[in-house]
Structure formats: structure tokens, C-alpha cells
Amino acid sequence: MKFVAHLFAYFGDHEDPFYAEKTWQELGKPTTTLEMFAQKLRQSGHLQQGAK
């Protein structure tokens, strides 16, 4: 647990660089959120099938 706490402390102080700027310029900003994607997966039953 001490190691995990150390990782959280380390990564909590560092910001991730934004790499998608060029992709967004070329393809446009995404319109589907991660929450919307997960909800669609749940509704389609894909998660239940993969767990079997």
C-alpha cells in the first residue's frame, strides 16, 4: 500500500501532456464522451458477453 500511495502522490503532481491537438484539428473534436461510450456498451450487452 505504501508503494501505491507513493505512485498516487507522484502522478497526482504531474500533468499529462495533451497529444490529441493535431488529431482534433484533422478529424474534429470527439462528440462521444467516455460515459456515453460505456453506456452504449452496457446497453448492447457486450460487457456481459465478454464476462462469460
PDB file of N, CA and C in Angstrom:
ATOM      1  N   MET A   1       0.825  -1.193   0.000  1.00  0.00           N
ATOM      2  CA  MET A   1       0.000   0.000   0.000  1.00  0.00           C
ATOM      3  C   MET A   1       0.869   1.257   0.000  1.00  0.00           C
ATOM      4  N   LYS A   2       2.017   1.195   0.644  1.00  0.00           N
ATOM      5  CA  LYS A   2       2.902   2.362   0.667  1.00  0.00           C
ATOM      6  C   LYS A   2       3.363   2.705  -0.746  1.00  0.00           C
ATOM      7  N   PHE A   3       3.656   1.654  -1.532  1.00  0.00           N
ATOM      8  CA  PHE A   3       4.098   1.880  -2.904  1.00  0.00           C
ATOM      9  C   PHE A   3       2.992   2.531  -3.737  1.00  0.00           C
ATOM     10  N   VAL A   4       1.769   2.034  -3.586  1.00  0.00           N
ATOM     11  CA  VAL A   4       0.632   2.593  -4.314  1.00  0.00           C
ATOM     12  C   VAL A   4       0.407   4.043  -3.898  1.00  0.00           C
ATOM     13  N   ALA A   5       0.508   4.317  -2.605  1.00  0.00           N
ATOM     14  CA  ALA A   5       0.363   5.697  -2.121  1.00  0.00           C
ATOM     15  C   ALA A   5       1.431   6.584  -2.733  1.00  0.00           C
ATOM     16  N   HIS A   6       2.648   6.047  -2.852  1.00  0.00           N
ATOM     17  CA  HIS A   6       3.746   6.800  -3.480  1.00  0.00           C
ATOM     18  C   HIS A   6       3.423   7.105  -4.947  1.00  0.00           C
ATOM     19  N   LEU A   7       2.883   6.130  -5.657  1.00  0.00           N
ATOM     20  CA  LEU A   7       2.519   6.349  -7.063  1.00  0.00           C
ATOM     21  C   LEU A   7       1.445   7.419  -7.203  1.00  0.00           C
ATOM     22  N   PHE A   8       0.417   7.343  -6.352  1.00  0.00           N
ATOM     23  CA  PHE A   8      -0.641   8.348  -6.402  1.00  0.00           C
ATOM     24  C   PHE A   8      -0.077   9.737  -6.120  1.00  0.00           C
ATOM     25  N   ALA A   9       0.814   9.845  -5.150  1.00  0.00           N
ATOM     26  CA  ALA A   9       1.420  11.134  -4.821  1.00  0.00           C
ATOM     27  C   ALA A   9       2.243  11.649  -5.997  1.00  0.00           C
ATOM     28  N   TYR A  10       3.003  10.778  -6.622  1.00  0.00           N
ATOM     29  CA  TYR A  10       3.847  11.180  -7.745  1.00  0.00           C
ATOM     30  C   TYR A  10       3.013  11.637  -8.937  1.00  0.00           C
ATOM     31  N   PHE A  11       2.080  10.793  -9.360  1.00  0.00           N
ATOM     32  CA  PHE A  11       1.304  11.118 -10.551  1.00  0.00           C
ATOM     33  C   PHE A  11       0.271  12.206 -10.298  1.00  0.00           C
ATOM     34  N   GLY A  12      -0.115  12.406  -9.060  1.00  0.00           N
ATOM     35  CA  GLY A  12      -1.045  13.476  -8.730  1.00  0.00           C
ATOM     36  C   GLY A  12      -0.441  14.854  -8.921  1.00  0.00           C
ATOM     37  N   ASP A  13       0.889  14.936  -8.887  1.00  0.00           N
ATOM     38  CA  ASP A  13       1.580  16.215  -9.037  1.00  0.00           C
ATOM     39  C   ASP A  13       2.027  16.480 -10.472  1.00  0.00           C
ATOM     40  N   HIS A  14       1.761  15.576 -11.384  1.00  0.00           N
ATOM     41  CA  HIS A  14       2.215  15.728 -12.768  1.00  0.00           C
ATOM     42  C   HIS A  14       1.025  15.774 -13.711  1.00  0.00           C
ATOM     43  N   GLU A  15       1.074  16.704 -14.641  1.00  0.00           N
ATOM     44  CA  GLU A  15       0.011  16.792 -15.645  1.00  0.00           C
ATOM     45  C   GLU A  15       0.429  16.053 -16.903  1.00  0.00           C
ATOM     46  N   ASP A  16      -0.521  15.373 -17.491  1.00  0.00           N
ATOM     47  CA  ASP A  16      -0.260  14.680 -18.740  1.00  0.00           C
ATOM     48  C   ASP A  16      -0.299  15.674 -19.892  1.00  0.00           C
ATOM     49  N   PRO A  17       0.642  15.565 -20.816  1.00  0.00           N
ATOM     50  CA  PRO A  17       0.599  16.445 -21.988  1.00  0.00           C
ATOM     51  C   PRO A  17      -0.603  16.081 -22.869  1.00  0.00           C
ATOM     52  N   PHE A  18      -1.130  17.055 -23.578  1.00  0.00           N
ATOM     53  CA  PHE A  18      -2.267  16.832 -24.467  1.00  0.00           C
ATOM     54  C   PHE A  18      -1.731  16.513 -25.857  1.00  0.00           C
ATOM     55  N   TYR A  19      -1.908  15.264 -26.273  1.00  0.00           N
ATOM     56  CA  TYR A  19      -1.360  14.807 -27.550  1.00  0.00           C
ATOM     57  C   TYR A  19      -2.365  14.854 -28.699  1.00  0.00           C
ATOM     58  N   ALA A  20      -3.632  15.069 -28.429  1.00  0.00           N
ATOM     59  CA  ALA A  20      -4.660  14.922 -29.460  1.00  0.00           C
ATOM     60  C   ALA A  20      -4.921  16.201 -30.259  1.00  0.00           C
ATOM     61  N   GLU A  21      -4.208  17.271 -29.980  1.00  0.00           N
ATOM     62  CA  GLU A  21      -4.481  18.543 -30.664  1.00  0.00           C
ATOM     63  C   GLU A  21      -4.448  18.397 -32.186  1.00  0.00           C
ATOM     64  N   LYS A  22      -3.407  17.756 -32.718  1.00  0.00           N
ATOM     65  CA  LYS A  22      -3.298  17.587 -34.173  1.00  0.00           C
ATOM     66  C   LYS A  22      -4.442  16.712 -34.704  1.00  0.00           C
ATOM     67  N   THR A  23      -4.763  15.660 -33.973  1.00  0.00           N
ATOM     68  CA  THR A  23      -5.855  14.774 -34.378  1.00  0.00           C
ATOM     69  C   THR A  23      -7.170  15.539 -34.403  1.00  0.00           C
ATOM     70  N   TRP A  24      -7.422  16.339 -33.367  1.00  0.00           N
ATOM     71  CA  TRP A  24      -8.652  17.133 -33.315  1.00  0.00           C
ATOM     72  C   TRP A  24      -8.705  18.119 -34.477  1.00  0.00           C
ATOM     73  N   GLN A  25      -7.560  18.691 -34.852  1.00  0.00           N
ATOM     74  CA  GLN A  25      -7.528  19.628 -35.980  1.00  0.00           C
ATOM     75  C   GLN A  25      -7.885  18.918 -37.286  1.00  0.00           C
ATOM     76  N   GLU A  26      -7.409  17.685 -37.443  1.00  0.00           N
ATOM     77  CA  GLU A  26      -7.641  16.943 -38.677  1.00  0.00           C
ATOM     78  C   GLU A  26      -9.025  16.289 -38.732  1.00  0.00           C
ATOM     79  N   LEU A  27      -9.473  15.723 -37.614  1.00  0.00           N
ATOM     80  CA  LEU A  27     -10.715  14.948 -37.606  1.00  0.00           C
ATOM     81  C   LEU A  27     -11.875  15.633 -36.901  1.00  0.00           C
ATOM     82  N   GLY A  28     -11.581  16.672 -36.148  1.00  0.00           N
ATOM     83  CA  GLY A  28     -12.617  17.329 -35.365  1.00  0.00           C
ATOM     84  C   GLY A  28     -12.634  16.787 -33.945  1.00  0.00           C
ATOM     85  N   LYS A  29     -13.155  17.595 -33.031  1.00  0.00           N
ATOM     86  CA  LYS A  29     -13.230  17.214 -31.628  1.00  0.00           C
ATOM     87  C   LYS A  29     -14.249  16.089 -31.461  1.00  0.00           C
ATOM     88  N   PRO A  30     -13.961  15.109 -30.619  1.00  0.00           N
ATOM     89  CA  PRO A  30     -14.899  13.999 -30.418  1.00  0.00           C
ATOM     90  C   PRO A  30     -16.260  14.484 -29.918  1.00  0.00           C
ATOM     91  N   THR A  31     -17.303  13.811 -30.345  1.00  0.00           N
ATOM     92  CA  THR A  31     -18.654  14.159 -29.898  1.00  0.00           C
ATOM     93  C   THR A  31     -19.198  13.139 -28.908  1.00  0.00           C
ATOM     94  N   THR A  32     -18.533  11.994 -28.788  1.00  0.00           N
ATOM     95  CA  THR A  32     -18.951  10.957 -27.849  1.00  0.00           C
ATOM     96  C   THR A  32     -18.046  11.008 -26.630  1.00  0.00           C
ATOM     97  N   THR A  33     -18.648  11.101 -25.460  1.00  0.00           N
ATOM     98  CA  THR A  33     -17.865  11.088 -24.225  1.00  0.00           C
ATOM     99  C   THR A  33     -17.579   9.644 -23.818  1.00  0.00           C
ATOM    100  N   LEU A  34     -16.651   9.462 -22.912  1.00  0.00           N
ATOM    101  CA  LEU A  34     -16.353   8.132 -22.418  1.00  0.00           C
ATOM    102  C   LEU A  34     -17.576   7.540 -21.726  1.00  0.00           C
ATOM    103  N   GLU A  35     -18.314   8.370 -20.999  1.00  0.00           N
ATOM    104  CA  GLU A  35     -19.535   7.905 -20.332  1.00  0.00           C
ATOM    105  C   GLU A  35     -20.578   7.433 -21.347  1.00  0.00           C
ATOM    106  N   MET A  36     -20.748   8.168 -22.435  1.00  0.00           N
ATOM    107  CA  MET A  36     -21.706   7.773 -23.472  1.00  0.00           C
ATOM    108  C   MET A  36     -21.293   6.441 -24.105  1.00  0.00           C
ATOM    109  N   PHE A  37     -20.002   6.282 -24.358  1.00  0.00           N
ATOM    110  CA  PHE A  37     -19.489   5.050 -24.951  1.00  0.00           C
ATOM    111  C   PHE A  37     -19.737   3.866 -24.025  1.00  0.00           C
ATOM    112  N   ALA A  38     -19.430   4.023 -22.733  1.00  0.00           N
ATOM    113  CA  ALA A  38     -19.632   2.947 -21.764  1.00  0.00           C
ATOM    114  C   ALA A  38     -21.105   2.579 -21.646  1.00  0.00           C
ATOM    115  N   GLN A  39     -21.977   3.582 -21.650  1.00  0.00           N
ATOM    116  CA  GLN A  39     -23.408   3.319 -21.552  1.00  0.00           C
ATOM    117  C   GLN A  39     -23.891   2.528 -22.761  1.00  0.00           C
ATOM    118  N   LYS A  40     -23.400   2.875 -23.933  1.00  0.00           N
ATOM    119  CA  LYS A  40     -23.789   2.159 -25.146  1.00  0.00           C
ATOM    120  C   LYS A  40     -23.309   0.696 -25.091  1.00  0.00           C
ATOM    121  N   LEU A  41     -22.101   0.479 -24.558  1.00  0.00           N
ATOM    122  CA  LEU A  41     -21.608  -0.888 -24.405  1.00  0.00           C
ATOM    123  C   LEU A  41     -22.496  -1.687 -23.464  1.00  0.00           C
ATOM    124  N   ARG A  42     -22.872  -1.066 -22.335  1.00  0.00           N
ATOM    125  CA  ARG A  42     -23.732  -1.752 -21.375  1.00  0.00           C
ATOM    126  C   ARG A  42     -25.066  -2.118 -22.004  1.00  0.00           C
ATOM    127  N   GLN A  43     -25.631  -1.191 -22.753  1.00  0.00           N
ATOM    128  CA  GLN A  43     -26.949  -1.424 -23.372  1.00  0.00           C
ATOM    129  C   GLN A  43     -26.884  -2.498 -24.439  1.00  0.00           C
ATOM    130  N   SER A  44     -25.768  -2.606 -25.123  1.00  0.00           N
ATOM    131  CA  SER A  44     -25.669  -3.592 -26.205  1.00  0.00           C
ATOM    132  C   SER A  44     -25.373  -4.993 -25.693  1.00  0.00           C
ATOM    133  N   GLY A  45     -24.994  -5.111 -24.409  1.00  0.00           N
ATOM    134  CA  GLY A  45     -24.722  -6.420 -23.855  1.00  0.00           C
ATOM    135  C   GLY A  45     -23.317  -6.925 -24.084  1.00  0.00           C
ATOM    136  N   HIS A  46     -22.452  -6.132 -24.698  1.00  0.00           N
ATOM    137  CA  HIS A  46     -21.085  -6.574 -25.000  1.00  0.00           C
ATOM    138  C   HIS A  46     -20.296  -6.893 -23.731  1.00  0.00           C
ATOM    139  N   LEU A  47     -20.514  -6.161 -22.667  1.00  0.00           N
ATOM    140  CA  LEU A  47     -19.767  -6.418 -21.446  1.00  0.00           C
ATOM    141  C   LEU A  47     -20.188  -7.715 -20.789  1.00  0.00           C
ATOM    142  N   GLN A  48     -21.481  -8.024 -20.816  1.00  0.00           N
ATOM    143  CA  GLN A  48     -21.949  -9.264 -20.230  1.00  0.00           C
ATOM    144  C   GLN A  48     -21.442 -10.468 -21.025  1.00  0.00           C
ATOM    145  N   GLN A  49     -21.404 -10.377 -22.348  1.00  0.00           N
ATOM    146  CA  GLN A  49     -20.952 -11.474 -23.172  1.00  0.00           C
ATOM    147  C   GLN A  49     -19.471 -11.744 -22.953  1.00  0.00           C
ATOM    148  N   GLY A  50     -18.677 -10.684 -22.779  1.00  0.00           N
ATOM    149  CA  GLY A  50     -17.243 -10.849 -22.588  1.00  0.00           C
ATOM    150  C   GLY A  50     -16.899 -11.432 -21.234  1.00  0.00           C
ATOM    151  N   ALA A  51     -17.774 -11.293 -20.253  1.00  0.00           N
ATOM    152  CA  ALA A  51     -17.503 -11.785 -18.912  1.00  0.00           C
ATOM    153  C   ALA A  51     -17.764 -13.278 -18.765  1.00  0.00           C
ATOM    154  N   LYS A  52     -18.471 -13.852 -19.710  1.00  0.00           N
ATOM    155  CA  LYS A  52     -18.829 -15.282 -19.608  1.00  0.00           C
ATOM    156  C   LYS A  52     -17.656 -16.173 -19.911  1.00  0.00           C
TER     157      LYS A  52
END
